[in-house]
């Protein structure tokens, strides 16, 4: 990997990670301060969307939520490892590759937001509840949203890179 100066590297976009982190933590704090816990205390916003304050002891879709507590530390180590790896990649990616650097920064901010919850509370605070009829998508938060958008941007960028290389060849 090439070594770039800080101003030439993707670290120029790293400011987005603390912004995502702050918005995530701020939204979770607001939920904790203003809402009662549980699905019974939901706030209906739209015919397909509620605000609902719940705890997630696992990962996405409550994966391993009933595993006894060790998963808290596993997911914390994964969040730190992924964030470190993405920051390293940003350092070696040119700043003009905006989409991939923005994607990395969004994932870092989201991962650190959920890491904060795990370390401070022992679980992740979720509150966004989308549903259709009686079928609810698992509740999630802004950190989860940033991680998903970041992942989608990485996939989109890989398709864009593939198309540009086939046009050149």
Protein backbone atom coordinates (compact mmCIF):
# COMPACT_ATOMS: atom_id res chain seq x y z
CA UNK A 1 0.00 0.00 0.00
CA UNK A 2 1.15 3.48 -0.76
CA UNK A 3 1.81 5.99 2.00
CA UNK A 4 0.06 9.31 1.45
CA UNK A 5 0.34 12.55 3.37
CA UNK A 6 -2.53 13.07 5.78
CA UNK A 7 -4.06 15.76 3.55
CA UNK A 8 -3.91 13.43 0.53
CA UNK A 9 -5.27 10.38 2.35
CA UNK A 10 -8.80 9.31 3.13
CA UNK A 11 -8.29 10.52 6.69
CA UNK A 12 -9.52 13.82 5.32
CA UNK A 13 -12.98 12.20 5.59
CA UNK A 14 -12.51 10.82 9.10
CA UNK A 15 -14.42 13.80 10.60
CA UNK A 16 -17.58 12.00 9.50
CA UNK A 17 -17.02 9.17 12.02
CA UNK A 18 -17.28 11.39 15.15
CA UNK A 19 -20.30 13.12 13.60
CA UNK A 20 -22.07 9.76 13.12
CA UNK A 21 -21.01 8.75 16.64
CA UNK A 22 -22.36 11.99 18.17
CA UNK A 23 -25.68 11.79 16.31
CA UNK A 24 -26.08 8.16 17.34
CA UNK A 25 -25.25 8.71 21.01
CA UNK A 26 -27.35 11.88 21.11
CA UNK A 27 -30.38 10.14 19.62
CA UNK A 28 -30.04 7.22 22.05
CA UNK A 29 -29.72 9.62 25.00
CA UNK A 30 -32.86 11.43 23.87
CA UNK A 31 -34.74 8.12 23.61
CA UNK A 32 -33.60 7.05 27.09
CA UNK A 33 -34.63 10.41 28.57
CA UNK A 34 -38.03 10.74 26.92
CA UNK A 35 -39.40 7.24 26.32
CA UNK A 36 -40.47 4.35 28.49
CA UNK A 37 -38.84 1.00 27.82
CA UNK A 38 -40.57 -1.68 25.77
CA UNK A 39 -42.77 -2.28 22.76
CA UNK A 40 -45.88 -1.47 24.78
CA UNK A 41 -44.76 2.18 24.97
CA UNK A 42 -44.17 2.80 21.27
CA UNK A 43 -44.75 6.16 19.62
CA UNK A 44 -46.58 5.74 16.33
CA UNK A 45 -45.03 8.03 13.73
CA UNK A 46 -46.24 6.62 10.40
CA UNK A 47 -48.46 3.67 9.43
CA UNK A 48 -45.28 1.59 9.01
CA UNK A 49 -42.91 3.19 11.55
CA UNK A 50 -42.77 3.52 15.34
CA UNK A 51 -40.25 4.82 17.82
CA UNK A 52 -39.74 2.08 20.41
CA UNK A 53 -37.10 2.00 23.16
CA UNK A 54 -35.62 -1.52 23.43
CA UNK A 55 -32.31 -3.15 24.42
CA UNK A 56 -30.33 -5.50 22.19
CA UNK A 57 -27.82 -7.72 24.00
CA UNK A 58 -26.68 -9.31 20.73
CA UNK A 59 -25.72 -8.13 17.27
CA UNK A 60 -27.80 -7.52 14.15
CA UNK A 61 -31.29 -9.03 14.42
CA UNK A 62 -30.50 -9.83 18.10
CA UNK A 63 -28.03 -12.51 16.97
CA UNK A 64 -26.59 -14.21 20.11
CA UNK A 65 -28.68 -11.98 22.40
CA UNK A 66 -29.31 -14.85 24.80
CA UNK A 67 -25.72 -16.18 24.82
CA UNK A 68 -25.02 -15.32 28.45
CA UNK A 69 -22.94 -12.13 28.23
CA UNK A 70 -19.70 -13.20 26.52
CA UNK A 71 -21.05 -11.86 23.21
CA UNK A 72 -20.78 -8.30 24.59
CA UNK A 73 -17.01 -8.62 24.64
CA UNK A 74 -16.80 -10.46 21.32
CA UNK A 75 -18.77 -7.74 19.53
CA UNK A 76 -16.70 -5.06 21.29
CA UNK A 77 -13.45 -6.60 20.03
CA UNK A 78 -14.92 -6.93 16.53
CA UNK A 79 -16.01 -3.26 16.54
CA UNK A 80 -12.54 -2.11 17.58
CA UNK A 81 -10.82 -4.39 15.07
CA UNK A 82 -13.02 -3.37 12.14
CA UNK A 83 -12.72 0.33 13.05
CA UNK A 84 -8.93 0.06 13.23
CA UNK A 85 -8.73 -1.79 9.93
CA UNK A 86 -11.00 0.73 8.16
CA UNK A 87 -8.99 3.66 9.58
CA UNK A 88 -5.82 2.00 8.29
CA UNK A 89 -7.38 1.58 4.84
CA UNK A 90 -8.51 5.21 4.87
CA UNK A 91 -4.95 6.29 5.65
CA UNK A 92 -3.77 4.49 2.50
CA UNK A 93 -6.68 5.46 0.23
CA UNK A 94 -6.48 8.73 -1.72
CA UNK A 95 -8.80 11.46 -0.40
CA UNK A 96 -10.36 11.90 -3.85
CA UNK A 97 -11.94 8.42 -3.55
CA UNK A 98 -14.81 10.02 -1.68
CA UNK A 99 -17.40 7.25 -1.76
CA UNK A 100 -15.20 4.57 -0.23
CA UNK A 101 -13.75 6.93 2.39
CA UNK A 102 -17.21 8.16 3.38
CA UNK A 103 -18.36 4.54 3.61
CA UNK A 104 -15.45 3.63 5.88
CA UNK A 105 -16.04 6.68 8.10
CA UNK A 106 -19.77 5.90 8.43
CA UNK A 107 -19.02 2.30 9.44
CA UNK A 108 -16.41 3.44 11.96
CA UNK A 109 -18.82 5.97 13.51
CA UNK A 110 -21.62 3.41 13.69
CA UNK A 111 -19.40 0.67 15.09
CA UNK A 112 -18.06 3.00 17.78
CA UNK A 113 -21.59 4.18 18.65
CA UNK A 114 -22.72 0.62 19.31
CA UNK A 115 -19.41 -0.15 21.06
CA UNK A 116 -20.09 2.75 23.44
CA UNK A 117 -23.48 1.25 24.30
CA UNK A 118 -22.01 -2.20 24.92
CA UNK A 119 -19.28 -0.85 27.20
CA UNK A 120 -21.44 1.66 29.11
CA UNK A 121 -24.80 -0.13 29.28
CA UNK A 122 -24.01 -3.76 28.49
CA UNK A 123 -26.41 -3.70 25.52
CA UNK A 124 -27.20 -1.60 22.45
CA UNK A 125 -30.10 0.83 22.55
CA UNK A 126 -32.45 0.45 19.59
CA UNK A 127 -35.49 2.55 18.80
CA UNK A 128 -36.34 2.56 15.07
CA UNK A 129 -39.18 0.08 14.47
CA UNK A 130 -40.40 -0.51 10.91
CA UNK A 131 -43.25 -2.91 10.26
CA UNK A 132 -45.85 -4.10 7.80
CA UNK A 133 -49.12 -5.23 9.35
CA UNK A 134 -48.10 -7.29 12.38
CA UNK A 135 -44.64 -8.16 11.00
CA UNK A 136 -41.90 -6.02 12.53
CA UNK A 137 -38.36 -5.64 11.25
CA UNK A 138 -35.95 -5.93 14.21
CA UNK A 139 -35.57 -2.54 15.90
CA UNK A 140 -32.34 -0.70 15.12
CA UNK A 141 -30.65 2.70 15.63
CA UNK A 142 -28.69 5.40 13.78
CA UNK A 143 -25.40 3.52 14.22
CA UNK A 144 -26.89 0.46 12.54
CA UNK A 145 -28.21 2.69 9.75
CA UNK A 146 -24.78 4.27 9.21
CA UNK A 147 -23.15 0.82 9.10
CA UNK A 148 -25.70 -0.40 6.52
CA UNK A 149 -25.37 2.72 4.36
CA UNK A 150 -21.58 2.45 4.57
CA UNK A 151 -21.70 -1.21 3.53
CA UNK A 152 -24.02 -0.36 0.63
CA UNK A 153 -21.62 2.39 -0.49
CA UNK A 154 -18.73 -0.10 -0.45
CA UNK A 155 -20.72 -2.47 -2.65
CA UNK A 156 -21.75 0.36 -4.98
CA UNK A 157 -18.15 1.56 -5.18
CA UNK A 158 -16.96 -1.94 -6.06
CA UNK A 159 -19.46 -2.06 -8.94
CA UNK A 160 -18.32 1.38 -10.10
CA UNK A 161 -14.68 0.29 -9.95
CA UNK A 162 -15.52 -2.89 -11.89
CA UNK A 163 -17.30 -0.93 -14.60
CA UNK A 164 -14.47 1.57 -15.00
CA UNK A 165 -11.88 -1.22 -15.32
CA UNK A 166 -13.95 -3.05 -17.98
CA UNK A 167 -14.32 0.18 -19.97
CA UNK A 168 -10.55 0.68 -19.91
CA UNK A 169 -9.79 -2.91 -20.93
